[in-house]
């Protein structure tokens, strides 16, 4: 028994080493660094307790980034999840060219983040971009989509939904195809309508997949940095500055290790709270059998 246990731990050892080295240890050191000042030159870091967190509470850029991220999450999460479910339901039925439609839905997911940002950067270009050309057909004028505070963040939201919906669709499609066909036949014999079957049978059976997709959607909503760097760099006037981009700027542009560590701890705490709420609320409605 001990020999089998030892073999099991040895098999797990490489994964454990990687997990500790690249996840747990960096998280622990980040929490520790958030209680110290940033080392500069020959000056070592100095313990300041929760002073970094107190300074963060009076930082206007932090509150702007937090508000932007909240708006970004509120729009991208339900939009991408609902769109993914609709697309999965569409391509799960018999239709001409179904394979091509599935490929078209999934193609944005396969594109690199930087490539997607550059494609949409062209779409949003004033005068020459796709959207300005379409508006010109209806008598619309020139608009700087990424340079206007009113449209910069919605423009970023549209890019995220376009890219993520196809990825989530794959999970919903797999769950739909795993459902026993007998359920639909039995419902038809009982005279159940399609909407009633979808509401009473399909949605409950999709809850495990929905929980998985929602957790990933929440994480994605708070880890966007590539598109912001390429398309707006947080502008105009911090209108598209999100939490992870603010961390990137603090750590790699201004070399403020203390601020970056403090922001990271706040972001980790926020994600942990959201995950706890998701599993606490939706976990009661998830049935795996």
C-alpha atoms as a PDB file:
ATOM      1  CA  UNK A   1       0.000   0.000   0.000  1.00  0.00           C
ATOM      2  CA  UNK A   2       2.803   2.418   0.876  1.00  0.00           C
ATOM      3  CA  UNK A   3       4.574   1.532  -2.374  1.00  0.00           C
ATOM      4  CA  UNK A   4       1.447   2.334  -4.391  1.00  0.00           C
ATOM      5  CA  UNK A   5       1.015   5.605  -2.480  1.00  0.00           C
ATOM      6  CA  UNK A   6       4.637   6.554  -3.146  1.00  0.00           C
ATOM      7  CA  UNK A   7       4.249   5.807  -6.837  1.00  0.00           C
ATOM      8  CA  UNK A   8       1.120   7.936  -6.963  1.00  0.00           C
ATOM      9  CA  UNK A   9       2.888  10.896  -5.340  1.00  0.00           C
ATOM     10  CA  UNK A  10       5.851  10.516  -7.686  1.00  0.00           C
ATOM     11  CA  UNK A  11       3.495  10.643 -10.659  1.00  0.00           C
ATOM     12  CA  UNK A  12       1.902  13.800  -9.250  1.00  0.00           C
ATOM     13  CA  UNK A  13       5.244  15.407  -8.355  1.00  0.00           C
ATOM     14  CA  UNK A  14       5.977  17.121 -11.724  1.00  0.00           C
ATOM     15  CA  UNK A  15       2.530  18.712 -11.812  1.00  0.00           C
ATOM     16  CA  UNK A  16       2.794  19.739  -8.149  1.00  0.00           C
ATOM     17  CA  UNK A  17       6.205  21.337  -8.721  1.00  0.00           C
ATOM     18  CA  UNK A  18       4.903  23.346 -11.666  1.00  0.00           C
ATOM     19  CA  UNK A  19       1.745  24.334  -9.760  1.00  0.00           C
ATOM     20  CA  UNK A  20       3.680  25.514  -6.714  1.00  0.00           C
ATOM     21  CA  UNK A  21       6.436  27.225  -8.713  1.00  0.00           C
ATOM     22  CA  UNK A  22       4.200  29.125 -11.124  1.00  0.00           C
ATOM     23  CA  UNK A  23       0.947  29.581  -9.168  1.00  0.00           C
ATOM     24  CA  UNK A  24       1.096  29.244  -5.385  1.00  0.00           C
ATOM     25  CA  UNK A  25       4.579  30.659  -4.794  1.00  0.00           C
ATOM     26  CA  UNK A  26       4.060  33.768  -6.972  1.00  0.00           C
ATOM     27  CA  UNK A  27       0.685  34.364  -5.294  1.00  0.00           C
ATOM     28  CA  UNK A  28       2.251  34.103  -1.822  1.00  0.00           C
ATOM     29  CA  UNK A  29       5.152  36.436  -2.692  1.00  0.00           C
ATOM     30  CA  UNK A  30       2.729  38.927  -4.241  1.00  0.00           C
ATOM     31  CA  UNK A  31       0.684  39.058  -1.042  1.00  0.00           C
ATOM     32  CA  UNK A  32       3.900  39.616   0.946  1.00  0.00           C
ATOM     33  CA  UNK A  33       5.130  42.321  -1.454  1.00  0.00           C
ATOM     34  CA  UNK A  34       1.862  44.222  -1.047  1.00  0.00           C
ATOM     35  CA  UNK A  35       2.885  45.033   2.541  1.00  0.00           C
ATOM     36  CA  UNK A  36       6.261  46.516   1.530  1.00  0.00           C
ATOM     37  CA  UNK A  37       7.449  49.540  -0.393  1.00  0.00           C
ATOM     38  CA  UNK A  38       9.007  49.248  -3.830  1.00  0.00           C
ATOM     39  CA  UNK A  39      12.792  48.641  -3.671  1.00  0.00           C
ATOM     40  CA  UNK A  40      14.722  51.303  -5.584  1.00  0.00           C
ATOM     41  CA  UNK A  41      18.442  51.044  -6.284  1.00  0.00           C
ATOM     42  CA  UNK A  42      20.282  50.324  -3.080  1.00  0.00           C
ATOM     43  CA  UNK A  43      17.226  51.061  -0.928  1.00  0.00           C
ATOM     44  CA  UNK A  44      15.659  47.786   0.253  1.00  0.00           C
ATOM     45  CA  UNK A  45      11.888  47.349   0.592  1.00  0.00           C
ATOM     46  CA  UNK A  46      10.406  48.658   3.843  1.00  0.00           C
ATOM     47  CA  UNK A  47       7.460  47.116   5.675  1.00  0.00           C
ATOM     48  CA  UNK A  48       4.488  49.521   5.696  1.00  0.00           C
ATOM     49  CA  UNK A  49       1.614  47.218   6.661  1.00  0.00           C
ATOM     50  CA  UNK A  50      -1.681  48.129   5.024  1.00  0.00           C
ATOM     51  CA  UNK A  51      -0.476  51.561   3.917  1.00  0.00           C
ATOM     52  CA  UNK A  52      -0.429  50.447   0.266  1.00  0.00           C
ATOM     53  CA  UNK A  53      -4.067  49.403   0.517  1.00  0.00           C
ATOM     54  CA  UNK A  54      -4.990  52.705   2.177  1.00  0.00           C
ATOM     55  CA  UNK A  55      -3.269  54.615  -0.646  1.00  0.00           C
ATOM     56  CA  UNK A  56      -5.125  52.492  -3.178  1.00  0.00           C
ATOM     57  CA  UNK A  57      -8.466  53.554  -1.718  1.00  0.00           C
ATOM     58  CA  UNK A  58      -7.635  57.179  -2.565  1.00  0.00           C
ATOM     59  CA  UNK A  59      -6.298  56.398  -6.048  1.00  0.00           C
ATOM     60  CA  UNK A  60      -8.750  57.796  -8.651  1.00  0.00           C
ATOM     61  CA  UNK A  61      -7.286  55.652 -11.450  1.00  0.00           C
ATOM     62  CA  UNK A  62      -7.972  52.491  -9.424  1.00  0.00           C
ATOM     63  CA  UNK A  63     -11.629  53.390  -8.967  1.00  0.00           C
ATOM     64  CA  UNK A  64     -11.928  54.267 -12.641  1.00  0.00           C
ATOM     65  CA  UNK A  65     -10.381  50.928 -13.626  1.00  0.00           C
ATOM     66  CA  UNK A  66     -12.646  49.081 -11.179  1.00  0.00           C
ATOM     67  CA  UNK A  67     -15.742  50.812 -12.556  1.00  0.00           C
ATOM     68  CA  UNK A  68     -14.672  50.130 -16.144  1.00  0.00           C
ATOM     69  CA  UNK A  69     -14.034  46.486 -15.334  1.00  0.00           C
ATOM     70  CA  UNK A  70     -17.414  46.157 -13.640  1.00  0.00           C
ATOM     71  CA  UNK A  71     -19.171  47.602 -16.706  1.00  0.00           C
ATOM     72  CA  UNK A  72     -17.063  45.399 -18.973  1.00  0.00           C
ATOM     73  CA  UNK A  73     -17.934  42.272 -16.973  1.00  0.00           C
ATOM     74  CA  UNK A  74     -21.644  43.078 -16.673  1.00  0.00           C
ATOM     75  CA  UNK A  75     -21.938  43.319 -20.455  1.00  0.00           C
ATOM     76  CA  UNK A  76     -19.482  40.716 -21.737  1.00  0.00           C
ATOM     77  CA  UNK A  77     -20.384  37.833 -19.418  1.00  0.00           C
ATOM     78  CA  UNK A  78     -24.145  37.525 -20.119  1.00  0.00           C
ATOM     79  CA  UNK A  79     -23.777  38.584 -23.765  1.00  0.00           C
ATOM     80  CA  UNK A  80     -21.094  35.994 -24.585  1.00  0.00           C
ATOM     81  CA  UNK A  81     -22.811  33.199 -22.632  1.00  0.00           C
ATOM     82  CA  UNK A  82     -26.270  33.810 -24.119  1.00  0.00           C
ATOM     83  CA  UNK A  83     -24.853  34.188 -27.622  1.00  0.00           C
ATOM     84  CA  UNK A  84     -22.856  30.972 -27.179  1.00  0.00           C
ATOM     85  CA  UNK A  85     -25.997  29.068 -26.141  1.00  0.00           C
ATOM     86  CA  UNK A  86     -27.976  30.460 -29.083  1.00  0.00           C
ATOM     87  CA  UNK A  87     -25.215  29.488 -31.522  1.00  0.00           C
ATOM     88  CA  UNK A  88     -24.935  26.018 -30.009  1.00  0.00           C
ATOM     89  CA  UNK A  89     -28.689  25.462 -30.315  1.00  0.00           C
ATOM     90  CA  UNK A  90     -28.551  26.657 -33.936  1.00  0.00           C
ATOM     91  CA  UNK A  91     -25.723  24.363 -35.061  1.00  0.00           C
ATOM     92  CA  UNK A  92     -27.071  21.397 -33.082  1.00  0.00           C
ATOM     93  CA  UNK A  93     -30.010  21.089 -35.477  1.00  0.00           C
ATOM     94  CA  UNK A  94     -29.929  19.624 -38.969  1.00  0.00           C
ATOM     95  CA  UNK A  95     -29.171  22.442 -41.402  1.00  0.00           C
ATOM     96  CA  UNK A  96     -27.358  22.846 -44.738  1.00  0.00           C
ATOM     97  CA  UNK A  97     -23.656  23.610 -44.341  1.00  0.00           C
ATOM     98  CA  UNK A  98     -23.720  22.940 -40.607  1.00  0.00           C
ATOM     99  CA  UNK A  99     -19.991  22.113 -40.505  1.00  0.00           C
ATOM    100  CA  UNK A 100     -19.126  25.411 -42.179  1.00  0.00           C
ATOM    101  CA  UNK A 101     -21.344  27.351 -39.786  1.00  0.00           C
ATOM    102  CA  UNK A 102     -19.696  25.679 -36.794  1.00  0.00           C
ATOM    103  CA  UNK A 103     -16.269  26.520 -38.172  1.00  0.00           C
ATOM    104  CA  UNK A 104     -17.310  30.122 -38.760  1.00  0.00           C
ATOM    105  CA  UNK A 105     -18.569  30.449 -35.184  1.00  0.00           C
ATOM    106  CA  UNK A 106     -15.386  28.948 -33.747  1.00  0.00           C
ATOM    107  CA  UNK A 107     -12.866  30.762 -35.982  1.00  0.00           C
ATOM    108  CA  UNK A 108     -12.554  33.912 -33.781  1.00  0.00           C
ATOM    109  CA  UNK A 109     -11.470  31.707 -30.879  1.00  0.00           C
ATOM    110  CA  UNK A 110      -8.542  30.287 -32.850  1.00  0.00           C
ATOM    111  CA  UNK A 111      -7.172  33.719 -33.769  1.00  0.00           C
ATOM    112  CA  UNK A 112      -4.411  35.141 -31.531  1.00  0.00           C
ATOM    113  CA  UNK A 113      -5.455  37.984 -29.245  1.00  0.00           C
ATOM    114  CA  UNK A 114      -3.077  40.444 -30.925  1.00  0.00           C
ATOM    115  CA  UNK A 115      -4.396  39.508 -34.376  1.00  0.00           C
ATOM    116  CA  UNK A 116      -7.987  40.025 -33.228  1.00  0.00           C
ATOM    117  CA  UNK A 117      -7.097  43.426 -31.778  1.00  0.00           C
ATOM    118  CA  UNK A 118      -5.474  44.526 -35.037  1.00  0.00           C
ATOM    119  CA  UNK A 119      -8.430  43.307 -37.120  1.00  0.00           C
ATOM    120  CA  UNK A 120     -10.890  45.274 -35.029  1.00  0.00           C
ATOM    121  CA  UNK A 121      -8.525  48.225 -34.920  1.00  0.00           C
ATOM    122  CA  UNK A 122      -8.995  48.413 -38.686  1.00  0.00           C
ATOM    123  CA  UNK A 123     -12.779  48.099 -38.306  1.00  0.00           C
ATOM    124  CA  UNK A 124     -12.812  51.055 -35.899  1.00  0.00           C
ATOM    125  CA  UNK A 125     -10.486  53.297 -37.950  1.00  0.00           C
ATOM    126  CA  UNK A 126     -12.196  56.657 -38.629  1.00  0.00           C
ATOM    127  CA  UNK A 127     -13.150  57.276 -42.275  1.00  0.00           C
ATOM    128  CA  UNK A 128     -11.487  54.111 -43.624  1.00  0.00           C
ATOM    129  CA  UNK A 129     -12.816  51.528 -41.165  1.00  0.00           C
ATOM    130  CA  UNK A 130     -15.596  49.041 -41.830  1.00  0.00           C
ATOM    131  CA  UNK A 131     -18.076  50.624 -39.441  1.00  0.00           C
ATOM    132  CA  UNK A 132     -17.641  54.136 -40.823  1.00  0.00           C
ATOM    133  CA  UNK A 133     -18.126  52.763 -44.336  1.00  0.00           C
ATOM    134  CA  UNK A 134     -21.369  51.070 -43.269  1.00  0.00           C
ATOM    135  CA  UNK A 135     -22.565  54.248 -41.545  1.00  0.00           C
ATOM    136  CA  UNK A 136     -21.796  56.278 -44.662  1.00  0.00           C
ATOM    137  CA  UNK A 137     -24.294  54.155 -46.619  1.00  0.00           C
ATOM    138  CA  UNK A 138     -27.027  55.412 -44.303  1.00  0.00           C
ATOM    139  CA  UNK A 139     -25.846  58.994 -44.251  1.00  0.00           C
ATOM    140  CA  UNK A 140     -23.769  58.682 -41.090  1.00  0.00           C
ATOM    141  CA  UNK A 141     -20.659  60.771 -40.492  1.00  0.00           C
ATOM    142  CA  UNK A 142     -17.142  60.100 -39.325  1.00  0.00           C
ATOM    143  CA  UNK A 143     -16.749  58.708 -35.805  1.00  0.00           C
ATOM    144  CA  UNK A 144     -13.653  57.990 -33.760  1.00  0.00           C
ATOM    145  CA  UNK A 145     -14.856  54.816 -32.057  1.00  0.00           C
ATOM    146  CA  UNK A 146     -11.791  54.282 -29.869  1.00  0.00           C
ATOM    147  CA  UNK A 147     -11.081  57.964 -29.305  1.00  0.00           C
ATOM    148  CA  UNK A 148     -14.469  58.849 -27.852  1.00  0.00           C
ATOM    149  CA  UNK A 149     -15.095  58.175 -24.175  1.00  0.00           C
ATOM    150  CA  UNK A 150     -18.711  57.252 -24.917  1.00  0.00           C
ATOM    151  CA  UNK A 151     -17.858  54.497 -27.407  1.00  0.00           C
ATOM    152  CA  UNK A 152     -14.340  53.314 -26.476  1.00  0.00           C
ATOM    153  CA  UNK A 153     -15.379  50.821 -23.780  1.00  0.00           C
ATOM    154  CA  UNK A 154     -18.431  49.503 -25.712  1.00  0.00           C
ATOM    155  CA  UNK A 155     -16.105  48.961 -28.667  1.00  0.00           C
ATOM    156  CA  UNK A 156     -13.820  46.814 -26.490  1.00  0.00           C
ATOM    157  CA  UNK A 157     -16.847  44.903 -25.186  1.00  0.00           C
ATOM    158  CA  UNK A 158     -17.937  44.064 -28.741  1.00  0.00           C
ATOM    159  CA  UNK A 159     -14.488  42.624 -29.509  1.00  0.00           C
ATOM    160  CA  UNK A 160     -14.544  40.431 -26.401  1.00  0.00           C
ATOM    161  CA  UNK A 161     -18.039  39.060 -27.070  1.00  0.00           C
ATOM    162  CA  UNK A 162     -17.133  38.316 -30.697  1.00  0.00           C
ATOM    163  CA  UNK A 163     -14.059  36.358 -29.645  1.00  0.00           C
ATOM    164  CA  UNK A 164     -15.371  34.497 -26.589  1.00  0.00           C
ATOM    165  CA  UNK A 165     -18.833  33.390 -27.722  1.00  0.00           C
ATOM    166  CA  UNK A 166     -17.458  30.797 -30.143  1.00  0.00           C
ATOM    167  CA  UNK A 167     -15.262  29.289 -27.439  1.00  0.00           C
ATOM    168  CA  UNK A 168     -18.169  28.888 -25.017  1.00  0.00           C
ATOM    169  CA  UNK A 169     -20.346  27.536 -27.835  1.00  0.00           C
ATOM    170  CA  UNK A 170     -18.152  24.422 -28.059  1.00  0.00           C
ATOM    171  CA  UNK A 171     -18.951  23.448 -24.480  1.00  0.00           C
ATOM    172  CA  UNK A 172     -22.674  24.016 -24.912  1.00  0.00           C
ATOM    173  CA  UNK A 173     -22.659  22.061 -28.173  1.00  0.00           C
ATOM    174  CA  UNK A 174     -20.894  19.127 -26.505  1.00  0.00           C
ATOM    175  CA  UNK A 175     -23.432  19.175 -23.657  1.00  0.00           C
ATOM    176  CA  UNK A 176     -26.375  19.310 -26.064  1.00  0.00           C
ATOM    177  CA  UNK A 177     -25.054  16.371 -28.073  1.00  0.00           C
ATOM    178  CA  UNK A 178     -24.571  14.358 -24.878  1.00  0.00           C
ATOM    179  CA  UNK A 179     -28.256  14.638 -23.968  1.00  0.00           C
ATOM    180  CA  UNK A 180     -30.260  11.422 -24.532  1.00  0.00           C
ATOM    181  CA  UNK A 181     -32.565  11.813 -27.577  1.00  0.00           C
ATOM    182  CA  UNK A 182     -35.211   9.836 -25.697  1.00  0.00           C
ATOM    183  CA  UNK A 183     -35.998  12.907 -23.597  1.00  0.00           C
ATOM    184  CA  UNK A 184     -37.165  14.905 -26.600  1.00  0.00           C
ATOM    185  CA  UNK A 185     -39.201  11.980 -27.902  1.00  0.00           C
ATOM    186  CA  UNK A 186     -40.907  11.492 -24.546  1.00  0.00           C
ATOM    187  CA  UNK A 187     -41.678  15.216 -24.310  1.00  0.00           C
ATOM    188  CA  UNK A 188     -43.162  15.180 -27.811  1.00  0.00           C
ATOM    189  CA  UNK A 189     -45.395  12.227 -26.893  1.00  0.00           C
ATOM    190  CA  UNK A 190     -46.605  14.144 -23.832  1.00  0.00           C
ATOM    191  CA  UNK A 191     -47.467  17.133 -26.006  1.00  0.00           C
ATOM    192  CA  UNK A 192     -44.801  19.419 -24.556  1.00  0.00           C
ATOM    193  CA  UNK A 193     -43.936  22.496 -26.609  1.00  0.00           C
ATOM    194  CA  UNK A 194     -40.370  23.274 -27.669  1.00  0.00           C
ATOM    195  CA  UNK A 195     -40.169  26.239 -25.320  1.00  0.00           C
ATOM    196  CA  UNK A 196     -41.432  24.190 -22.386  1.00  0.00           C
ATOM    197  CA  UNK A 197     -38.926  21.417 -23.165  1.00  0.00           C
ATOM    198  CA  UNK A 198     -36.122  23.959 -23.396  1.00  0.00           C
ATOM    199  CA  UNK A 199     -37.098  25.612 -20.116  1.00  0.00           C
ATOM    200  CA  UNK A 200     -37.909  22.475 -18.124  1.00  0.00           C
ATOM    201  CA  UNK A 201     -35.397  19.972 -19.517  1.00  0.00           C
ATOM    202  CA  UNK A 202     -32.615  21.546 -21.574  1.00  0.00           C
ATOM    203  CA  UNK A 203     -31.728  24.414 -19.245  1.00  0.00           C
ATOM    204  CA  UNK A 204     -31.519  22.240 -16.069  1.00  0.00           C
ATOM    205  CA  UNK A 205     -29.383  19.645 -17.870  1.00  0.00           C
ATOM    206  CA  UNK A 206     -27.075  22.406 -19.096  1.00  0.00           C
ATOM    207  CA  UNK A 207     -26.490  23.855 -15.634  1.00  0.00           C
ATOM    208  CA  UNK A 208     -23.131  22.076 -15.049  1.00  0.00           C
ATOM    209  CA  UNK A 209     -21.899  23.439 -18.364  1.00  0.00           C
ATOM    210  CA  UNK A 210     -23.336  26.872 -17.591  1.00  0.00           C
ATOM    211  CA  UNK A 211     -21.503  26.980 -14.271  1.00  0.00           C
ATOM    212  CA  UNK A 212     -18.231  26.028 -15.969  1.00  0.00           C
ATOM    213  CA  UNK A 213     -18.756  28.609 -18.717  1.00  0.00           C
ATOM    214  CA  UNK A 214     -19.681  31.354 -16.243  1.00  0.00           C
ATOM    215  CA  UNK A 215     -16.568  30.762 -14.147  1.00  0.00           C
ATOM    216  CA  UNK A 216     -14.414  31.041 -17.265  1.00  0.00           C
ATOM    217  CA  UNK A 217     -16.343  34.096 -18.469  1.00  0.00           C
ATOM    218  CA  UNK A 218     -15.777  35.886 -15.156  1.00  0.00           C
ATOM    219  CA  UNK A 219     -12.055  35.091 -15.244  1.00  0.00           C
ATOM    220  CA  UNK A 220     -11.813  36.301 -18.853  1.00  0.00           C
ATOM    221  CA  UNK A 221     -13.617  39.531 -17.950  1.00  0.00           C
ATOM    222  CA  UNK A 222     -10.884  40.412 -15.461  1.00  0.00           C
ATOM    223  CA  UNK A 223      -7.802  39.253 -17.348  1.00  0.00           C
ATOM    224  CA  UNK A 224      -8.017  41.307 -20.528  1.00  0.00           C
ATOM    225  CA  UNK A 225      -4.827  43.211 -21.310  1.00  0.00           C
ATOM    226  CA  UNK A 226      -3.781  42.355 -24.892  1.00  0.00           C
ATOM    227  CA  UNK A 227      -6.600  44.198 -26.622  1.00  0.00           C
ATOM    228  CA  UNK A 228      -6.205  47.239 -24.412  1.00  0.00           C
ATOM    229  CA  UNK A 229      -2.459  47.474 -25.126  1.00  0.00           C
ATOM    230  CA  UNK A 230      -2.924  47.235 -28.894  1.00  0.00           C
ATOM    231  CA  UNK A 231      -6.123  49.215 -29.353  1.00  0.00           C
ATOM    232  CA  UNK A 232      -6.362  52.008 -26.759  1.00  0.00           C
ATOM    233  CA  UNK A 233      -3.607  51.777 -24.112  1.00  0.00           C
ATOM    234  CA  UNK A 234      -6.271  52.602 -21.563  1.00  0.00           C
ATOM    235  CA  UNK A 235      -7.437  55.793 -23.285  1.00  0.00           C
ATOM    236  CA  UNK A 236      -9.008  58.088 -23.895  1.00  0.00           C
ATOM    237  CA  UNK A 237      -8.540  59.537 -20.413  1.00  0.00           C
ATOM    238  CA  UNK A 238      -8.566  56.051 -18.792  1.00  0.00           C
ATOM    239  CA  UNK A 239     -11.942  55.257 -20.370  1.00  0.00           C
ATOM    240  CA  UNK A 240     -10.759  51.716 -21.227  1.00  0.00           C
ATOM    241  CA  UNK A 241      -8.320  51.151 -18.363  1.00  0.00           C
ATOM    242  CA  UNK A 242      -9.149  47.797 -16.770  1.00  0.00           C
ATOM    243  CA  UNK A 243      -7.692  46.330 -13.592  1.00  0.00           C
ATOM    244  CA  UNK A 244      -5.215  43.984 -15.260  1.00  0.00           C
ATOM    245  CA  UNK A 245      -4.011  46.721 -17.604  1.00  0.00           C
ATOM    246  CA  UNK A 246      -3.503  49.028 -14.609  1.00  0.00           C
ATOM    247  CA  UNK A 247      -1.457  46.259 -12.970  1.00  0.00           C
ATOM    248  CA  UNK A 248       0.578  45.919 -16.176  1.00  0.00           C
ATOM    249  CA  UNK A 249       1.236  49.646 -16.284  1.00  0.00           C
ATOM    250  CA  UNK A 250       2.150  49.871 -12.612  1.00  0.00           C
ATOM    251  CA  UNK A 251       4.491  46.879 -12.748  1.00  0.00           C
ATOM    252  CA  UNK A 252       6.144  47.160 -16.157  1.00  0.00           C
ATOM    253  CA  UNK A 253       5.821  50.809 -17.167  1.00  0.00           C
ATOM    254  CA  UNK A 254       6.248  52.655 -13.881  1.00  0.00           C
ATOM    255  CA  UNK A 255       8.111  49.830 -12.053  1.00  0.00           C
ATOM    256  CA  UNK A 256       5.976  50.333  -8.955  1.00  0.00           C
ATOM    257  CA  UNK A 257       6.177  46.836  -7.494  1.00  0.00           C
ATOM    258  CA  UNK A 258       4.196  47.711  -4.361  1.00  0.00           C
ATOM    259  CA  UNK A 259       1.254  49.156  -6.303  1.00  0.00           C
ATOM    260  CA  UNK A 260       1.229  46.257  -8.766  1.00  0.00           C
ATOM    261  CA  UNK A 261       1.294  43.708  -5.937  1.00  0.00           C
ATOM    262  CA  UNK A 262      -1.489  45.490  -4.053  1.00  0.00           C
ATOM    263  CA  UNK A 263      -3.660  45.668  -7.181  1.00  0.00           C
ATOM    264  CA  UNK A 264      -3.025  41.982  -7.865  1.00  0.00           C
ATOM    265  CA  UNK A 265      -4.118  40.979  -4.365  1.00  0.00           C
ATOM    266  CA  UNK A 266      -7.293  43.045  -4.731  1.00  0.00           C
ATOM    267  CA  UNK A 267      -7.993  41.421  -8.102  1.00  0.00           C
ATOM    268  CA  UNK A 268      -7.400  37.922  -6.701  1.00  0.00           C
ATOM    269  CA  UNK A 269      -9.698  38.672  -3.777  1.00  0.00           C
ATOM    270  CA  UNK A 270     -12.390  39.969  -6.116  1.00  0.00           C
ATOM    271  CA  UNK A 271     -12.170  36.873  -8.334  1.00  0.00           C
ATOM    272  CA  UNK A 272     -12.276  34.628  -5.272  1.00  0.00           C
ATOM    273  CA  UNK A 273     -15.416  36.387  -4.027  1.00  0.00           C
ATOM    274  CA  UNK A 274     -17.101  36.093  -7.411  1.00  0.00           C
ATOM    275  CA  UNK A 275     -16.188  32.401  -7.650  1.00  0.00           C
ATOM    276  CA  UNK A 276     -17.602  31.795  -4.170  1.00  0.00           C
ATOM    277  CA  UNK A 277     -20.840  33.537  -5.128  1.00  0.00           C
ATOM    278  CA  UNK A 278     -21.096  31.556  -8.351  1.00  0.00           C
ATOM    279  CA  UNK A 279     -20.611  28.184  -6.683  1.00  0.00           C
ATOM    280  CA  UNK A 280     -22.797  29.208  -3.756  1.00  0.00           C
ATOM    281  CA  UNK A 281     -25.726  30.407  -5.880  1.00  0.00           C
ATOM    282  CA  UNK A 282     -25.517  28.198  -8.969  1.00  0.00           C
ATOM    283  CA  UNK A 283     -24.030  25.185  -7.203  1.00  0.00           C
ATOM    284  CA  UNK A 284     -27.395  24.424  -5.612  1.00  0.00           C
ATOM    285  CA  UNK A 285     -28.998  24.281  -9.052  1.00  0.00           C
ATOM    286  CA  UNK A 286     -26.365  22.052 -10.636  1.00  0.00           C
ATOM    287  CA  UNK A 287     -27.078  18.343 -10.867  1.00  0.00           C
ATOM    288  CA  UNK A 288     -24.476  16.087 -12.445  1.00  0.00           C
ATOM    289  CA  UNK A 289     -26.751  13.043 -12.541  1.00  0.00           C
END
